[in-house]
Amino acid sequence: MKANTGVKMIPLQGEAFGKPMVIYPTLLWDDDRAVLVDTGMPGSWETIRQEMLRAGIPPERLQAIILTHQDLDHIGSLPEIVRELGGQVEVYAHELDQPYIEGTRPLLKTNAQSMAPILAMLPEKEREHLQWLCENPPKAMVHKTLADTEILPYCGGIRIIHTPGHTPGHISLYVQDSKTLIAGDAMVYMNEALRGPIPQTTLDMEMAVNSLKKFENLEITSIICYHGGMCQNNVEEQLHALIR
């Protein structure tokens, strides 16, 4: 019998680097297990937990956290979740971003040196908080590293797509049952339009744009962008326009 699977965006409203924003981690589930894709900024776990309960998914069903990459707004609440749920949750990420998530290397973007221009413009209280985050970023062990084209046996199958450029180990996910692409930061959705990666936050723009070609042959009915939410209008047409 086919499992009942679900996909739910979890909108998290807050502020990052002095600007308001909404970001969208994604909750996936089947009859037995739940998977969280990305974890928001530090302090987001309680909101995520409440959204899980609203969807009828108790936190005890959460068995995996998949991180699309190392950026602070994606790994921020990881330590809180791991601390509370302990050994029931396995953390997945690409090996190229693993050392940054685990804290053996400083985050490529959110470190004191790279953030210095932004820090200088912030009010004192916000500057001190962000400075502290740069010096004490969230970190947790990655239990399993992921490879391009690998399929995880959750929720009818989750295909891993290595989409480097935004970071070296950036990944996107294709949820096979629902034909949903979880793009991470490979794309953004603004004003009802799909757009490519944001140059200001992308380490290698040429590589990031080339990575979009990996989506070309997928049958996609919806795309979830971490920044902007869900695109369901003319999805393949918009995607092919970006790839061309």
C-alpha atoms as a PDB file:
ATOM      1  CA  MET A   1       0.000   0.000   0.000  1.00  0.00           C
ATOM      2  CA  LYS A   2       1.260   3.467  -0.866  1.00  0.00           C
ATOM      3  CA  ALA A   3       2.160   5.609   2.140  1.00  0.00           C
ATOM      4  CA  ASN A   4       0.338   8.859   2.793  1.00  0.00           C
ATOM      5  CA  THR A   5       2.900  11.593   2.259  1.00  0.00           C
ATOM      6  CA  GLY A   6       2.754  15.306   2.954  1.00  0.00           C
ATOM      7  CA  VAL A   7       4.659  18.507   2.212  1.00  0.00           C
ATOM      8  CA  LYS A   8       4.301  21.673   4.292  1.00  0.00           C
ATOM      9  CA  MET A   9       6.219  24.923   4.187  1.00  0.00           C
ATOM     10  CA  ILE A  10       6.918  26.429   7.597  1.00  0.00           C
ATOM     11  CA  PRO A  11       6.996  30.235   7.310  1.00  0.00           C
ATOM     12  CA  LEU A  12       9.394  31.816   9.773  1.00  0.00           C
ATOM     13  CA  GLN A  13       9.203  35.578  10.169  1.00  0.00           C
ATOM     14  CA  GLY A  14      12.073  37.431  11.697  1.00  0.00           C
ATOM     15  CA  GLU A  15      15.037  39.640  11.073  1.00  0.00           C
ATOM     16  CA  ALA A  16      18.438  38.843   9.656  1.00  0.00           C
ATOM     17  CA  PHE A  17      21.381  41.174   9.253  1.00  0.00           C
ATOM     18  CA  GLY A  18      19.219  44.170  10.090  1.00  0.00           C
ATOM     19  CA  LYS A  19      16.428  43.408   7.620  1.00  0.00           C
ATOM     20  CA  PRO A  20      13.008  41.743   8.057  1.00  0.00           C
ATOM     21  CA  MET A  21      12.552  38.493   6.171  1.00  0.00           C
ATOM     22  CA  VAL A  22      10.400  35.396   5.835  1.00  0.00           C
ATOM     23  CA  ILE A  23      12.074  32.063   5.206  1.00  0.00           C
ATOM     24  CA  TYR A  24      10.574  28.678   4.490  1.00  0.00           C
ATOM     25  CA  PRO A  25      11.939  25.446   5.949  1.00  0.00           C
ATOM     26  CA  THR A  26       9.949  22.455   4.686  1.00  0.00           C
ATOM     27  CA  LEU A  27       8.356  19.583   6.588  1.00  0.00           C
ATOM     28  CA  LEU A  28       7.919  16.246   4.798  1.00  0.00           C
ATOM     29  CA  TRP A  29       6.190  13.189   6.199  1.00  0.00           C
ATOM     30  CA  ASP A  30       4.816   9.741   5.481  1.00  0.00           C
ATOM     31  CA  ASP A  31       2.857   7.303   7.639  1.00  0.00           C
ATOM     32  CA  ASP A  32       5.744   6.671  10.014  1.00  0.00           C
ATOM     33  CA  ARG A  33       8.385   9.358   9.760  1.00  0.00           C
ATOM     34  CA  ALA A  34       8.919  13.082   9.299  1.00  0.00           C
ATOM     35  CA  VAL A  35      11.800  14.994   7.740  1.00  0.00           C
ATOM     36  CA  LEU A  36      12.697  18.664   8.239  1.00  0.00           C
ATOM     37  CA  VAL A  37      14.558  20.485   5.472  1.00  0.00           C
ATOM     38  CA  ASP A  38      16.549  23.362   7.010  1.00  0.00           C
ATOM     39  CA  THR A  39      15.982  24.841  10.454  1.00  0.00           C
ATOM     40  CA  GLY A  40      15.726  28.637  10.235  1.00  0.00           C
ATOM     41  CA  MET A  41      17.587  31.174  12.342  1.00  0.00           C
ATOM     42  CA  PRO A  42      18.612  30.439  15.947  1.00  0.00           C
ATOM     43  CA  GLY A  43      15.564  30.371  18.190  1.00  0.00           C
ATOM     44  CA  SER A  44      13.134  29.061  15.551  1.00  0.00           C
ATOM     45  CA  TRP A  45      12.570  25.572  16.972  1.00  0.00           C
ATOM     46  CA  GLU A  46       9.493  26.430  19.043  1.00  0.00           C
ATOM     47  CA  THR A  47       7.740  27.922  15.998  1.00  0.00           C
ATOM     48  CA  ILE A  48       8.691  24.902  13.900  1.00  0.00           C
ATOM     49  CA  ARG A  49       7.395  22.581  16.609  1.00  0.00           C
ATOM     50  CA  GLN A  50       4.041  24.382  16.751  1.00  0.00           C
ATOM     51  CA  GLU A  51       3.696  24.242  12.962  1.00  0.00           C
ATOM     52  CA  MET A  52       4.419  20.506  13.057  1.00  0.00           C
ATOM     53  CA  LEU A  53       1.681  19.990  15.627  1.00  0.00           C
ATOM     54  CA  ARG A  54      -0.772  22.024  13.515  1.00  0.00           C
ATOM     55  CA  ALA A  55      -0.030  19.643  10.648  1.00  0.00           C
ATOM     56  CA  GLY A  56      -0.768  16.689  12.943  1.00  0.00           C
ATOM     57  CA  ILE A  57       2.885  15.646  13.093  1.00  0.00           C
ATOM     58  CA  PRO A  58       4.255  15.251  16.643  1.00  0.00           C
ATOM     59  CA  PRO A  59       7.957  16.133  16.981  1.00  0.00           C
ATOM     60  CA  GLU A  60       8.594  12.550  18.099  1.00  0.00           C
ATOM     61  CA  ARG A  61       8.088  11.477  14.473  1.00  0.00           C
ATOM     62  CA  LEU A  62      10.961  13.663  13.262  1.00  0.00           C
ATOM     63  CA  GLN A  63      13.745  11.299  12.228  1.00  0.00           C
ATOM     64  CA  ALA A  64      15.870  13.340   9.829  1.00  0.00           C
ATOM     65  CA  ILE A  65      17.042  16.886   9.242  1.00  0.00           C
ATOM     66  CA  ILE A  66      18.372  17.615   5.774  1.00  0.00           C
ATOM     67  CA  LEU A  67      20.416  20.800   5.437  1.00  0.00           C
ATOM     68  CA  THR A  68      20.571  22.328   1.986  1.00  0.00           C
ATOM     69  CA  HIS A  69      23.750  24.165   2.978  1.00  0.00           C
ATOM     70  CA  GLN A  70      25.741  25.832   5.703  1.00  0.00           C
ATOM     71  CA  ASP A  71      24.290  29.369   5.854  1.00  0.00           C
ATOM     72  CA  LEU A  72      23.222  30.681   9.257  1.00  0.00           C
ATOM     73  CA  ASP A  73      19.547  31.045   8.352  1.00  0.00           C
ATOM     74  CA  HIS A  74      19.453  27.352   7.401  1.00  0.00           C
ATOM     75  CA  ILE A  75      21.407  25.772  10.279  1.00  0.00           C
ATOM     76  CA  GLY A  76      20.421  28.246  13.001  1.00  0.00           C
ATOM     77  CA  SER A  77      18.094  26.059  15.099  1.00  0.00           C
ATOM     78  CA  LEU A  78      19.881  22.786  14.431  1.00  0.00           C
ATOM     79  CA  PRO A  79      21.589  22.601  17.856  1.00  0.00           C
ATOM     80  CA  GLU A  80      18.276  23.234  19.676  1.00  0.00           C
ATOM     81  CA  ILE A  81      16.497  20.461  17.800  1.00  0.00           C
ATOM     82  CA  VAL A  82      19.311  17.951  18.226  1.00  0.00           C
ATOM     83  CA  ARG A  83      19.622  18.816  21.909  1.00  0.00           C
ATOM     84  CA  GLU A  84      15.920  18.215  22.522  1.00  0.00           C
ATOM     85  CA  LEU A  85      15.304  15.196  20.306  1.00  0.00           C
ATOM     86  CA  GLY A  86      18.701  13.595  20.748  1.00  0.00           C
ATOM     87  CA  GLY A  87      19.455  10.301  19.085  1.00  0.00           C
ATOM     88  CA  GLN A  88      16.134   9.993  17.257  1.00  0.00           C
ATOM     89  CA  VAL A  89      17.236  12.531  14.616  1.00  0.00           C
ATOM     90  CA  GLU A  90      19.940  12.061  11.990  1.00  0.00           C
ATOM     91  CA  VAL A  91      21.432  15.110  10.307  1.00  0.00           C
ATOM     92  CA  TYR A  92      22.200  14.997   6.575  1.00  0.00           C
ATOM     93  CA  ALA A  93      24.260  17.400   4.455  1.00  0.00           C
ATOM     94  CA  HIS A  94      26.684  17.392   1.553  1.00  0.00           C
ATOM     95  CA  GLU A  95      30.270  16.576   2.493  1.00  0.00           C
ATOM     96  CA  LEU A  96      31.592  19.878   1.123  1.00  0.00           C
ATOM     97  CA  ASP A  97      29.543  21.845   3.659  1.00  0.00           C
ATOM     98  CA  GLN A  98      29.921  19.322   6.492  1.00  0.00           C
ATOM     99  CA  PRO A  99      32.976  20.905   8.214  1.00  0.00           C
ATOM    100  CA  TYR A 100      31.263  24.311   8.354  1.00  0.00           C
ATOM    101  CA  ILE A 101      28.081  22.849   9.844  1.00  0.00           C
ATOM    102  CA  GLU A 102      30.103  20.901  12.390  1.00  0.00           C
ATOM    103  CA  GLY A 103      32.125  23.983  13.342  1.00  0.00           C
ATOM    104  CA  THR A 104      35.561  22.700  12.374  1.00  0.00           C
ATOM    105  CA  ARG A 105      35.778  25.571   9.871  1.00  0.00           C
ATOM    106  CA  PRO A 106      34.241  29.062  10.124  1.00  0.00           C
ATOM    107  CA  LEU A 107      31.098  29.654   8.061  1.00  0.00           C
ATOM    108  CA  LEU A 108      32.092  30.962   4.644  1.00  0.00           C
ATOM    109  CA  LYS A 109      29.747  33.968   4.757  1.00  0.00           C
ATOM    110  CA  THR A 110      28.715  34.593   8.360  1.00  0.00           C
ATOM    111  CA  ASN A 111      32.096  35.227   9.922  1.00  0.00           C
ATOM    112  CA  ALA A 112      33.391  38.381  11.543  1.00  0.00           C
ATOM    113  CA  GLN A 113      35.618  39.337   8.620  1.00  0.00           C
ATOM    114  CA  SER A 114      33.101  38.932   5.800  1.00  0.00           C
ATOM    115  CA  MET A 115      30.289  40.496   7.862  1.00  0.00           C
ATOM    116  CA  ALA A 116      32.320  43.547   8.938  1.00  0.00           C
ATOM    117  CA  PRO A 117      30.656  46.005   6.472  1.00  0.00           C
ATOM    118  CA  ILE A 118      27.154  44.944   7.595  1.00  0.00           C
ATOM    119  CA  LEU A 119      28.100  44.960  11.274  1.00  0.00           C
ATOM    120  CA  ALA A 120      29.357  48.519  10.976  1.00  0.00           C
ATOM    121  CA  MET A 121      25.936  49.738   9.768  1.00  0.00           C
ATOM    122  CA  LEU A 122      23.812  48.112  12.476  1.00  0.00           C
ATOM    123  CA  PRO A 123      22.593  49.698  15.732  1.00  0.00           C
ATOM    124  CA  GLU A 124      24.711  48.725  18.717  1.00  0.00           C
ATOM    125  CA  LYS A 125      22.398  46.048  20.157  1.00  0.00           C
ATOM    126  CA  GLU A 126      21.886  44.302  16.804  1.00  0.00           C
ATOM    127  CA  ARG A 127      25.604  44.623  16.014  1.00  0.00           C
ATOM    128  CA  GLU A 128      26.585  42.965  19.272  1.00  0.00           C
ATOM    129  CA  HIS A 129      24.124  40.118  18.717  1.00  0.00           C
ATOM    130  CA  LEU A 130      25.276  39.459  15.156  1.00  0.00           C
ATOM    131  CA  GLN A 131      28.928  39.773  16.180  1.00  0.00           C
ATOM    132  CA  TRP A 132      28.304  37.113  18.825  1.00  0.00           C
ATOM    133  CA  LEU A 133      26.658  34.830  16.240  1.00  0.00           C
ATOM    134  CA  CYS A 134      29.606  35.286  13.896  1.00  0.00           C
ATOM    135  CA  GLU A 135      31.992  34.301  16.671  1.00  0.00           C
ATOM    136  CA  ASN A 136      29.751  31.522  18.055  1.00  0.00           C
ATOM    137  CA  PRO A 137      27.842  30.051  15.106  1.00  0.00           C
ATOM    138  CA  PRO A 138      25.431  27.152  15.640  1.00  0.00           C
ATOM    139  CA  LYS A 139      26.994  23.769  15.024  1.00  0.00           C
ATOM    140  CA  ALA A 140      26.092  20.101  15.239  1.00  0.00           C
ATOM    141  CA  MET A 141      27.335  16.771  13.965  1.00  0.00           C
ATOM    142  CA  VAL A 142      26.411  15.662  10.461  1.00  0.00           C
ATOM    143  CA  HIS A 143      25.619  11.967  10.758  1.00  0.00           C
ATOM    144  CA  LYS A 144      25.444  11.179   7.046  1.00  0.00           C
ATOM    145  CA  THR A 145      26.837  12.974   4.026  1.00  0.00           C
ATOM    146  CA  LEU A 146      24.882  13.102   0.788  1.00  0.00           C
ATOM    147  CA  ALA A 147      25.924  12.620  -2.824  1.00  0.00           C
ATOM    148  CA  ASP A 148      24.447  13.814  -6.098  1.00  0.00           C
ATOM    149  CA  THR A 149      21.620  11.563  -7.440  1.00  0.00           C
ATOM    150  CA  GLU A 150      21.324   9.676  -4.134  1.00  0.00           C
ATOM    151  CA  ILE A 151      17.746   8.818  -3.162  1.00  0.00           C
ATOM    152  CA  LEU A 152      16.795   8.826   0.523  1.00  0.00           C
ATOM    153  CA  PRO A 153      14.081   6.336   1.524  1.00  0.00           C
ATOM    154  CA  TYR A 154      11.791   8.888   3.138  1.00  0.00           C
ATOM    155  CA  CYS A 155       8.353  10.074   2.038  1.00  0.00           C
ATOM    156  CA  GLY A 156       8.258   8.076  -1.190  1.00  0.00           C
ATOM    157  CA  GLY A 157      11.852   8.905  -2.095  1.00  0.00           C
ATOM    158  CA  ILE A 158      13.841  12.141  -1.868  1.00  0.00           C
ATOM    159  CA  ARG A 159      16.397  12.624  -4.626  1.00  0.00           C
ATOM    160  CA  ILE A 160      19.517  14.631  -3.804  1.00  0.00           C
ATOM    161  CA  ILE A 161      20.668  17.149  -6.410  1.00  0.00           C
ATOM    162  CA  HIS A 162      24.070  18.724  -5.789  1.00  0.00           C
ATOM    163  CA  THR A 163      23.669  22.352  -6.891  1.00  0.00           C
ATOM    164  CA  PRO A 164      26.945  24.083  -5.981  1.00  0.00           C
ATOM    165  CA  GLY A 165      27.564  27.793  -6.403  1.00  0.00           C
ATOM    166  CA  HIS A 166      25.635  29.395  -3.561  1.00  0.00           C
ATOM    167  CA  THR A 167      27.978  27.352  -1.376  1.00  0.00           C
ATOM    168  CA  PRO A 168      30.252  24.471  -2.432  1.00  0.00           C
ATOM    169  CA  GLY A 169      27.982  21.866  -0.842  1.00  0.00           C
ATOM    170  CA  HIS A 170      24.589  23.357  -1.652  1.00  0.00           C
ATOM    171  CA  ILE A 171      21.941  20.739  -2.452  1.00  0.00           C
ATOM    172  CA  SER A 172      18.370  20.802  -3.707  1.00  0.00           C
ATOM    173  CA  LEU A 173      15.831  18.035  -3.128  1.00  0.00           C
ATOM    174  CA  TYR A 174      13.286  16.421  -5.438  1.00  0.00           C
ATOM    175  CA  VAL A 175      10.377  14.827  -3.590  1.00  0.00           C
ATOM    176  CA  GLN A 176       9.317  12.114  -6.010  1.00  0.00           C
ATOM    177  CA  ASP A 177       5.759  11.416  -4.805  1.00  0.00           C
ATOM    178  CA  SER A 178       4.568  15.018  -4.993  1.00  0.00           C
ATOM    179  CA  LYS A 179       6.932  16.122  -7.787  1.00  0.00           C
ATOM    180  CA  THR A 180       8.067  18.959  -5.529  1.00  0.00           C
ATOM    181  CA  LEU A 181      11.471  20.584  -5.942  1.00  0.00           C
ATOM    182  CA  ILE A 182      12.906  22.053  -2.740  1.00  0.00           C
ATOM    183  CA  ALA A 183      15.372  24.493  -4.246  1.00  0.00           C
ATOM    184  CA  GLY A 184      17.068  25.838  -1.116  1.00  0.00           C
ATOM    185  CA  ASP A 185      18.817  29.023  -2.232  1.00  0.00           C
ATOM    186  CA  ALA A 186      19.462  27.826  -5.795  1.00  0.00           C
ATOM    187  CA  MET A 187      16.523  30.033  -6.817  1.00  0.00           C
ATOM    188  CA  VAL A 188      14.243  32.622  -5.218  1.00  0.00           C
ATOM    189  CA  TYR A 189      10.550  33.377  -5.781  1.00  0.00           C
ATOM    190  CA  MET A 190       9.667  37.068  -5.965  1.00  0.00           C
ATOM    191  CA  ASN A 191       6.528  38.822  -7.245  1.00  0.00           C
ATOM    192  CA  GLU A 192       5.113  35.515  -8.500  1.00  0.00           C
ATOM    193  CA  ALA A 193       8.205  34.874 -10.595  1.00  0.00           C
ATOM    194  CA  LEU A 194      11.077  32.428 -10.279  1.00  0.00           C
ATOM    195  CA  ARG A 195      14.476  34.059 -10.308  1.00  0.00           C
ATOM    196  CA  GLY A 196      17.974  32.688 -10.258  1.00  0.00           C
ATOM    197  CA  PRO A 197      20.413  32.787  -7.361  1.00  0.00           C
ATOM    198  CA  ILE A 198      21.029  36.109  -5.621  1.00  0.00           C
ATOM    199  CA  PRO A 199      24.476  37.432  -6.638  1.00  0.00           C
ATOM    200  CA  GLN A 200      25.134  39.199  -3.320  1.00  0.00           C
ATOM    201  CA  THR A 201      24.911  35.949  -1.343  1.00  0.00           C
ATOM    202  CA  THR A 202      26.237  33.481  -3.925  1.00  0.00           C
ATOM    203  CA  LEU A 203      29.899  32.522  -3.751  1.00  0.00           C
ATOM    204  CA  ASP A 204      30.252  31.378  -7.385  1.00  0.00           C
ATOM    205  CA  MET A 205      27.530  32.831  -9.581  1.00  0.00           C
ATOM    206  CA  GLU A 206      28.570  31.069 -12.778  1.00  0.00           C
ATOM    207  CA  MET A 207      28.545  27.692 -11.061  1.00  0.00           C
ATOM    208  CA  ALA A 208      25.203  28.431  -9.378  1.00  0.00           C
ATOM    209  CA  VAL A 209      23.554  29.321 -12.691  1.00  0.00           C
ATOM    210  CA  ASN A 210      24.970  26.200 -14.341  1.00  0.00           C
ATOM    211  CA  SER A 211      23.602  24.103 -11.484  1.00  0.00           C
ATOM    212  CA  LEU A 212      20.051  25.028 -12.508  1.00  0.00           C
ATOM    213  CA  LYS A 213      20.470  22.800 -15.577  1.00  0.00           C
ATOM    214  CA  LYS A 214      20.224  19.784 -13.272  1.00  0.00           C
ATOM    215  CA  PHE A 215      16.505  20.529 -12.871  1.00  0.00           C
ATOM    216  CA  GLU A 216      15.839  20.451 -16.611  1.00  0.00           C
ATOM    217  CA  ASN A 217      14.625  16.865 -16.996  1.00  0.00           C
ATOM    218  CA  LEU A 218      12.592  16.628 -13.805  1.00  0.00           C
ATOM    219  CA  GLU A 219       8.803  16.528 -13.860  1.00  0.00           C
ATOM    220  CA  ILE A 220       8.017  19.341 -11.407  1.00  0.00           C
ATOM    221  CA  THR A 221       4.604  20.569 -10.287  1.00  0.00           C
ATOM    222  CA  SER A 222       5.791  22.921  -7.523  1.00  0.00           C
ATOM    223  CA  ILE A 223       9.022  24.560  -6.391  1.00  0.00           C
ATOM    224  CA  ILE A 224       9.700  25.672  -2.830  1.00  0.00           C
ATOM    225  CA  CYS A 225      12.275  28.445  -2.558  1.00  0.00           C
ATOM    226  CA  TYR A 226      13.674  29.181   0.890  1.00  0.00           C
ATOM    227  CA  HIS A 227      13.294  32.848   0.078  1.00  0.00           C
ATOM    228  CA  GLY A 228       9.884  33.470  -1.424  1.00  0.00           C
ATOM    229  CA  GLY A 229       7.989  30.261  -0.786  1.00  0.00           C
ATOM    230  CA  MET A 230       6.080  28.050  -3.235  1.00  0.00           C
ATOM    231  CA  CYS A 231       5.831  28.548  -6.984  1.00  0.00           C
ATOM    232  CA  GLN A 232       3.039  26.603  -8.714  1.00  0.00           C
ATOM    233  CA  ASN A 233       2.305  28.829 -11.706  1.00  0.00           C
ATOM    234  CA  ASN A 234       3.837  27.842 -15.058  1.00  0.00           C
ATOM    235  CA  VAL A 235       6.592  26.081 -13.148  1.00  0.00           C
ATOM    236  CA  GLU A 236       8.333  24.277 -15.994  1.00  0.00           C
ATOM    237  CA  GLU A 237       8.003  27.242 -18.352  1.00  0.00           C
ATOM    238  CA  GLN A 238       9.579  29.588 -15.793  1.00  0.00           C
ATOM    239  CA  LEU A 239      12.309  27.096 -14.976  1.00  0.00           C
ATOM    240  CA  HIS A 240      13.238  26.527 -18.611  1.00  0.00           C
ATOM    241  CA  ALA A 241      13.424  30.302 -19.124  1.00  0.00           C
ATOM    242  CA  LEU A 242      15.965  30.527 -16.313  1.00  0.00           C
ATOM    243  CA  ILE A 243      17.999  27.629 -17.656  1.00  0.00           C
ATOM    244  CA  ARG A 244      18.164  29.087 -21.140  1.00  0.00           C
END
